[in-house]
Amino acid sequence: MNLRASSLTVYDLIKPSSRWLELPLLMSFNLVLVASAYLSINLPFSPVPITGQTLGVLLVAMALGRTRGTAVVLAYLVEGAAGLPVFAGGKAGVAALMGPTGGYLLGFLAAAWIVGTLADKGWDKGYVKSILAMTLGTTIIFVCGLTQLSLFVPGNTLLAMGLYPFLTGAALKIAAASVLLPSIWKFLGSRN
């Protein structure tokens, strides 16, 4: 393989030799996003639910890198826009993308691009860089989400409805995601 070691992602280590087998493997990462959306808790005071989606997006982007990670997230968004019940709570359709939570969903794409790019540069191998990448990805999701949510809720309630209730969960997701991938690399390094 002519890739530098720092440009390898976890996917490069597990990808099948056949292109025909690559699609089912990528679809399994897509299913991770769908499953993470179904880990959903509605909040009575906010149109934004607590979900596992951010964790799913961050892990997919870090494991797959920019190109494949962004493609998997894009496929997920297209599936939802086409009417498949893949968004939080089984929601689907273009209305979900245009509604109060649509900015968070669209932020997944931007976050996958950035986090995947950093993974391609080796940021998935060290704990500090991984934390920084995950924090940046989460920040991008929040900025996109709050921007669109601001069209639906009064300005003085925006942060209370779309940010503050999610900060503890975001910190836990960042911690989990940023420990998991460097640990995989450390484990693989100890086996070689």
C-alpha atoms as a PDB file:
ATOM      1  CA  MET A   1       0.000   0.000   0.000  1.00  0.00           C
ATOM      2  CA  ASN A   2       1.468   3.386  -0.925  1.00  0.00           C
ATOM      3  CA  LEU A   3      -0.375   5.361   1.735  1.00  0.00           C
ATOM      4  CA  ARG A   4       1.622   6.925   4.548  1.00  0.00           C
ATOM      5  CA  ALA A   5       0.819   5.331   7.910  1.00  0.00           C
ATOM      6  CA  SER A   6      -0.613   8.609   9.217  1.00  0.00           C
ATOM      7  CA  SER A   7      -3.087   8.756   6.329  1.00  0.00           C
ATOM      8  CA  LEU A   8      -4.551   5.337   7.057  1.00  0.00           C
ATOM      9  CA  THR A   9      -7.958   5.153   8.669  1.00  0.00           C
ATOM     10  CA  VAL A  10      -9.496   2.192  10.446  1.00  0.00           C
ATOM     11  CA  TYR A  11     -11.403   1.508   7.247  1.00  0.00           C
ATOM     12  CA  ASP A  12      -8.132   1.020   5.349  1.00  0.00           C
ATOM     13  CA  LEU A  13      -7.339  -1.834   7.707  1.00  0.00           C
ATOM     14  CA  ILE A  14     -10.696  -3.602   7.348  1.00  0.00           C
ATOM     15  CA  LYS A  15     -11.732  -2.843   3.787  1.00  0.00           C
ATOM     16  CA  PRO A  16     -12.343  -5.878   1.653  1.00  0.00           C
ATOM     17  CA  SER A  17     -10.186  -6.688  -1.339  1.00  0.00           C
ATOM     18  CA  SER A  18     -13.209  -6.763  -3.634  1.00  0.00           C
ATOM     19  CA  ARG A  19     -15.108  -3.608  -4.637  1.00  0.00           C
ATOM     20  CA  TRP A  20     -18.301  -5.691  -4.512  1.00  0.00           C
ATOM     21  CA  LEU A  21     -17.796  -6.316  -0.819  1.00  0.00           C
ATOM     22  CA  GLU A  22     -16.952  -2.697  -0.090  1.00  0.00           C
ATOM     23  CA  LEU A  23     -20.554  -1.517  -0.566  1.00  0.00           C
ATOM     24  CA  PRO A  24     -22.037  -3.867   2.072  1.00  0.00           C
ATOM     25  CA  LEU A  25     -19.322  -2.791   4.517  1.00  0.00           C
ATOM     26  CA  LEU A  26     -20.103   0.885   3.923  1.00  0.00           C
ATOM     27  CA  MET A  27     -23.806   0.093   4.302  1.00  0.00           C
ATOM     28  CA  SER A  28     -23.046  -1.329   7.734  1.00  0.00           C
ATOM     29  CA  PHE A  29     -21.608   2.059   8.728  1.00  0.00           C
ATOM     30  CA  ASN A  30     -24.803   3.622   7.377  1.00  0.00           C
ATOM     31  CA  LEU A  31     -26.765   1.318   9.678  1.00  0.00           C
ATOM     32  CA  VAL A  32     -24.704   2.632  12.600  1.00  0.00           C
ATOM     33  CA  LEU A  33     -26.106   6.092  11.828  1.00  0.00           C
ATOM     34  CA  VAL A  34     -29.654   4.776  11.565  1.00  0.00           C
ATOM     35  CA  ALA A  35     -29.334   2.877  14.850  1.00  0.00           C
ATOM     36  CA  SER A  36     -27.856   5.934  16.573  1.00  0.00           C
ATOM     37  CA  ALA A  37     -30.886   7.974  15.465  1.00  0.00           C
ATOM     38  CA  TYR A  38     -33.210   5.511  17.148  1.00  0.00           C
ATOM     39  CA  LEU A  39     -31.407   6.104  20.437  1.00  0.00           C
ATOM     40  CA  SER A  40     -33.639   9.096  20.961  1.00  0.00           C
ATOM     41  CA  ILE A  41     -35.220  10.866  23.933  1.00  0.00           C
ATOM     42  CA  ASN A  42     -37.715  13.658  23.315  1.00  0.00           C
ATOM     43  CA  LEU A  43     -37.483  16.685  25.573  1.00  0.00           C
ATOM     44  CA  PRO A  44     -40.804  18.298  26.569  1.00  0.00           C
ATOM     45  CA  PHE A  45     -39.403  21.833  26.273  1.00  0.00           C
ATOM     46  CA  SER A  46     -37.508  21.498  22.982  1.00  0.00           C
ATOM     47  CA  PRO A  47     -38.155  20.282  19.432  1.00  0.00           C
ATOM     48  CA  VAL A  48     -34.623  18.834  19.491  1.00  0.00           C
ATOM     49  CA  PRO A  49     -34.322  15.307  20.942  1.00  0.00           C
ATOM     50  CA  ILE A  50     -31.311  13.828  22.650  1.00  0.00           C
ATOM     51  CA  THR A  51     -29.912  11.194  20.287  1.00  0.00           C
ATOM     52  CA  GLY A  52     -26.866   9.079  19.654  1.00  0.00           C
ATOM     53  CA  GLN A  53     -26.493  10.540  16.162  1.00  0.00           C
ATOM     54  CA  THR A  54     -23.593  12.866  16.947  1.00  0.00           C
ATOM     55  CA  LEU A  55     -21.600   9.948  18.312  1.00  0.00           C
ATOM     56  CA  GLY A  56     -22.483   7.891  15.238  1.00  0.00           C
ATOM     57  CA  VAL A  57     -21.440  10.652  12.828  1.00  0.00           C
ATOM     58  CA  LEU A  58     -18.157  11.288  14.642  1.00  0.00           C
ATOM     59  CA  LEU A  59     -17.244   7.602  14.744  1.00  0.00           C
ATOM     60  CA  VAL A  60     -18.191   7.001  11.113  1.00  0.00           C
ATOM     61  CA  ALA A  61     -16.179  10.013   9.934  1.00  0.00           C
ATOM     62  CA  MET A  62     -13.123   9.095  12.002  1.00  0.00           C
ATOM     63  CA  ALA A  63     -13.236   5.437  10.996  1.00  0.00           C
ATOM     64  CA  LEU A  64     -13.838   6.028   7.295  1.00  0.00           C
ATOM     65  CA  GLY A  65     -12.034   9.286   6.587  1.00  0.00           C
ATOM     66  CA  ARG A  66     -13.270  12.260   4.590  1.00  0.00           C
ATOM     67  CA  THR A  67     -14.424  10.685   1.337  1.00  0.00           C
ATOM     68  CA  ARG A  68     -16.148   7.558   2.591  1.00  0.00           C
ATOM     69  CA  GLY A  69     -17.350   9.119   5.844  1.00  0.00           C
ATOM     70  CA  THR A  70     -18.959  12.055   4.058  1.00  0.00           C
ATOM     71  CA  ALA A  71     -20.472   9.703   1.462  1.00  0.00           C
ATOM     72  CA  VAL A  72     -22.044   7.527   4.172  1.00  0.00           C
ATOM     73  CA  VAL A  73     -23.510  10.573   5.953  1.00  0.00           C
ATOM     74  CA  LEU A  74     -24.768  11.963   2.637  1.00  0.00           C
ATOM     75  CA  ALA A  75     -26.413   8.620   1.828  1.00  0.00           C
ATOM     76  CA  TYR A  76     -28.056   8.695   5.267  1.00  0.00           C
ATOM     77  CA  LEU A  77     -29.455  12.191   4.630  1.00  0.00           C
ATOM     78  CA  VAL A  78     -30.686  11.201   1.152  1.00  0.00           C
ATOM     79  CA  GLU A  79     -32.383   8.118   2.602  1.00  0.00           C
ATOM     80  CA  GLY A  80     -34.185  10.280   5.145  1.00  0.00           C
ATOM     81  CA  ALA A  81     -35.130  12.928   2.582  1.00  0.00           C
ATOM     82  CA  ALA A  82     -36.497  10.177   0.319  1.00  0.00           C
ATOM     83  CA  GLY A  83     -38.879   9.099   3.065  1.00  0.00           C
ATOM     84  CA  LEU A  84     -37.087   6.273   4.837  1.00  0.00           C
ATOM     85  CA  PRO A  85     -37.644   6.586   8.614  1.00  0.00           C
ATOM     86  CA  VAL A  86     -33.964   6.958   9.496  1.00  0.00           C
ATOM     87  CA  PHE A  87     -33.959  10.245  11.412  1.00  0.00           C
ATOM     88  CA  ALA A  88     -34.473  10.568  15.178  1.00  0.00           C
ATOM     89  CA  GLY A  89     -37.683   8.973  16.331  1.00  0.00           C
ATOM     90  CA  GLY A  90     -38.308   7.470  12.888  1.00  0.00           C
ATOM     91  CA  LYS A  91     -38.869  10.824  11.217  1.00  0.00           C
ATOM     92  CA  ALA A  92     -38.336  11.145   7.491  1.00  0.00           C
ATOM     93  CA  GLY A  93     -38.837  13.380   4.488  1.00  0.00           C
ATOM     94  CA  VAL A  94     -37.655  16.734   3.275  1.00  0.00           C
ATOM     95  CA  ALA A  95     -39.808  18.365   5.962  1.00  0.00           C
ATOM     96  CA  ALA A  96     -37.478  16.921   8.605  1.00  0.00           C
ATOM     97  CA  LEU A  97     -34.507  18.544   6.876  1.00  0.00           C
ATOM     98  CA  MET A  98     -36.339  21.847   6.595  1.00  0.00           C
ATOM     99  CA  GLY A  99     -37.726  21.770  10.153  1.00  0.00           C
ATOM    100  CA  PRO A 100     -36.300  22.767  13.527  1.00  0.00           C
ATOM    101  CA  THR A 101     -33.813  19.886  13.683  1.00  0.00           C
ATOM    102  CA  GLY A 102     -32.747  20.026  10.036  1.00  0.00           C
ATOM    103  CA  GLY A 103     -29.713  22.171  10.738  1.00  0.00           C
ATOM    104  CA  TYR A 104     -28.290  19.522  13.026  1.00  0.00           C
ATOM    105  CA  LEU A 105     -28.829  16.907  10.323  1.00  0.00           C
ATOM    106  CA  LEU A 106     -27.144  19.055   7.674  1.00  0.00           C
ATOM    107  CA  GLY A 107     -24.381  19.815  10.165  1.00  0.00           C
ATOM    108  CA  PHE A 108     -23.624  16.093  10.197  1.00  0.00           C
ATOM    109  CA  LEU A 109     -22.414  16.393   6.614  1.00  0.00           C
ATOM    110  CA  ALA A 110     -20.078  19.310   7.341  1.00  0.00           C
ATOM    111  CA  ALA A 111     -18.815  17.619  10.497  1.00  0.00           C
ATOM    112  CA  ALA A 112     -18.144  14.367   8.627  1.00  0.00           C
ATOM    113  CA  TRP A 113     -16.118  16.272   6.040  1.00  0.00           C
ATOM    114  CA  ILE A 114     -13.979  18.064   8.647  1.00  0.00           C
ATOM    115  CA  VAL A 115     -13.567  15.172  11.089  1.00  0.00           C
ATOM    116  CA  GLY A 116     -12.916  12.759   8.214  1.00  0.00           C
ATOM    117  CA  THR A 117     -10.273  15.105   6.816  1.00  0.00           C
ATOM    118  CA  LEU A 118      -8.570  15.200  10.211  1.00  0.00           C
ATOM    119  CA  ALA A 119      -8.751  11.400  10.425  1.00  0.00           C
ATOM    120  CA  ASP A 120      -7.075  11.221   7.017  1.00  0.00           C
ATOM    121  CA  LYS A 121      -4.270  13.317   8.523  1.00  0.00           C
ATOM    122  CA  GLY A 122      -3.843  10.882  11.423  1.00  0.00           C
ATOM    123  CA  TRP A 123      -5.846  12.701  14.103  1.00  0.00           C
ATOM    124  CA  ASP A 124      -7.662   9.463  14.955  1.00  0.00           C
ATOM    125  CA  LYS A 125      -4.489   7.915  16.353  1.00  0.00           C
ATOM    126  CA  GLY A 126      -3.792  10.164  19.352  1.00  0.00           C
ATOM    127  CA  TYR A 127      -6.110  11.018  22.217  1.00  0.00           C
ATOM    128  CA  VAL A 128      -5.524  14.793  22.271  1.00  0.00           C
ATOM    129  CA  LYS A 129      -5.924  15.276  18.526  1.00  0.00           C
ATOM    130  CA  SER A 130      -8.918  12.963  18.519  1.00  0.00           C
ATOM    131  CA  ILE A 131     -10.589  15.019  21.271  1.00  0.00           C
ATOM    132  CA  LEU A 132      -9.893  18.205  19.292  1.00  0.00           C
ATOM    133  CA  ALA A 133     -11.309  16.689  16.089  1.00  0.00           C
ATOM    134  CA  MET A 134     -14.435  15.428  17.855  1.00  0.00           C
ATOM    135  CA  THR A 135     -14.938  18.767  19.611  1.00  0.00           C
ATOM    136  CA  LEU A 136     -14.625  20.604  16.313  1.00  0.00           C
ATOM    137  CA  GLY A 137     -17.111  18.237  14.665  1.00  0.00           C
ATOM    138  CA  THR A 138     -19.579  18.640  17.522  1.00  0.00           C
ATOM    139  CA  THR A 139     -19.204  22.427  17.399  1.00  0.00           C
ATOM    140  CA  ILE A 140     -19.968  22.414  13.674  1.00  0.00           C
ATOM    141  CA  ILE A 141     -23.115  20.358  14.294  1.00  0.00           C
ATOM    142  CA  PHE A 142     -24.259  22.750  17.036  1.00  0.00           C
ATOM    143  CA  VAL A 143     -23.596  25.871  14.933  1.00  0.00           C
ATOM    144  CA  CYS A 144     -25.538  24.476  11.973  1.00  0.00           C
ATOM    145  CA  GLY A 145     -28.307  23.196  14.220  1.00  0.00           C
ATOM    146  CA  LEU A 146     -28.708  26.422  16.176  1.00  0.00           C
ATOM    147  CA  THR A 147     -28.693  28.480  12.982  1.00  0.00           C
ATOM    148  CA  GLN A 148     -31.700  26.634  11.587  1.00  0.00           C
ATOM    149  CA  LEU A 149     -33.407  26.226  14.970  1.00  0.00           C
ATOM    150  CA  SER A 150     -33.285  30.019  15.361  1.00  0.00           C
ATOM    151  CA  LEU A 151     -35.860  30.241  12.563  1.00  0.00           C
ATOM    152  CA  PHE A 152     -38.352  28.274  14.683  1.00  0.00           C
ATOM    153  CA  VAL A 153     -37.899  29.364  18.303  1.00  0.00           C
ATOM    154  CA  PRO A 154     -37.676  32.752  20.019  1.00  0.00           C
ATOM    155  CA  GLY A 155     -34.121  34.071  20.205  1.00  0.00           C
ATOM    156  CA  ASN A 156     -34.126  34.287  23.988  1.00  0.00           C
ATOM    157  CA  THR A 157     -34.859  30.527  24.240  1.00  0.00           C
ATOM    158  CA  LEU A 158     -32.539  29.321  21.473  1.00  0.00           C
ATOM    159  CA  LEU A 159     -29.648  28.166  23.653  1.00  0.00           C
ATOM    160  CA  ALA A 160     -31.974  26.683  26.290  1.00  0.00           C
ATOM    161  CA  MET A 161     -33.725  24.631  23.612  1.00  0.00           C
ATOM    162  CA  GLY A 162     -30.862  23.741  21.306  1.00  0.00           C
ATOM    163  CA  LEU A 163     -27.566  23.818  23.191  1.00  0.00           C
ATOM    164  CA  TYR A 164     -27.511  23.763  26.996  1.00  0.00           C
ATOM    165  CA  PRO A 165     -29.446  20.505  27.491  1.00  0.00           C
ATOM    166  CA  PHE A 166     -27.061  18.739  25.117  1.00  0.00           C
ATOM    167  CA  LEU A 167     -23.658  19.848  26.412  1.00  0.00           C
ATOM    168  CA  THR A 168     -23.195  17.074  28.975  1.00  0.00           C
ATOM    169  CA  GLY A 169     -24.179  14.434  26.437  1.00  0.00           C
ATOM    170  CA  ALA A 170     -21.909  16.021  23.844  1.00  0.00           C
ATOM    171  CA  ALA A 171     -18.984  15.880  26.262  1.00  0.00           C
ATOM    172  CA  LEU A 172     -19.675  12.212  26.977  1.00  0.00           C
ATOM    173  CA  LYS A 173     -19.953  11.408  23.247  1.00  0.00           C
ATOM    174  CA  ILE A 174     -16.715  13.264  22.515  1.00  0.00           C
ATOM    175  CA  ALA A 175     -14.973  11.386  25.317  1.00  0.00           C
ATOM    176  CA  ALA A 176     -16.266   8.015  24.115  1.00  0.00           C
ATOM    177  CA  ALA A 177     -15.473   8.616  20.458  1.00  0.00           C
ATOM    178  CA  SER A 178     -12.082  10.163  21.088  1.00  0.00           C
ATOM    179  CA  VAL A 179     -10.982   7.254  23.273  1.00  0.00           C
ATOM    180  CA  LEU A 180     -12.325   4.487  21.059  1.00  0.00           C
ATOM    181  CA  LEU A 181     -10.400   5.105  17.836  1.00  0.00           C
ATOM    182  CA  PRO A 182      -6.962   5.828  19.334  1.00  0.00           C
ATOM    183  CA  SER A 183      -7.445   2.728  21.497  1.00  0.00           C
ATOM    184  CA  ILE A 184      -8.123   0.664  18.378  1.00  0.00           C
ATOM    185  CA  TRP A 185      -4.897   1.978  16.857  1.00  0.00           C
ATOM    186  CA  LYS A 186      -2.939   1.267  20.055  1.00  0.00           C
ATOM    187  CA  PHE A 187      -4.364  -2.264  20.139  1.00  0.00           C
ATOM    188  CA  LEU A 188      -3.469  -2.841  16.490  1.00  0.00           C
ATOM    189  CA  GLY A 189       0.013  -1.430  17.061  1.00  0.00           C
ATOM    190  CA  SER A 190       0.612  -3.774  19.989  1.00  0.00           C
ATOM    191  CA  ARG A 191      -0.366  -6.747  17.812  1.00  0.00           C
ATOM    192  CA  ASN A 192       2.204  -5.911  15.131  1.00  0.00           C
END
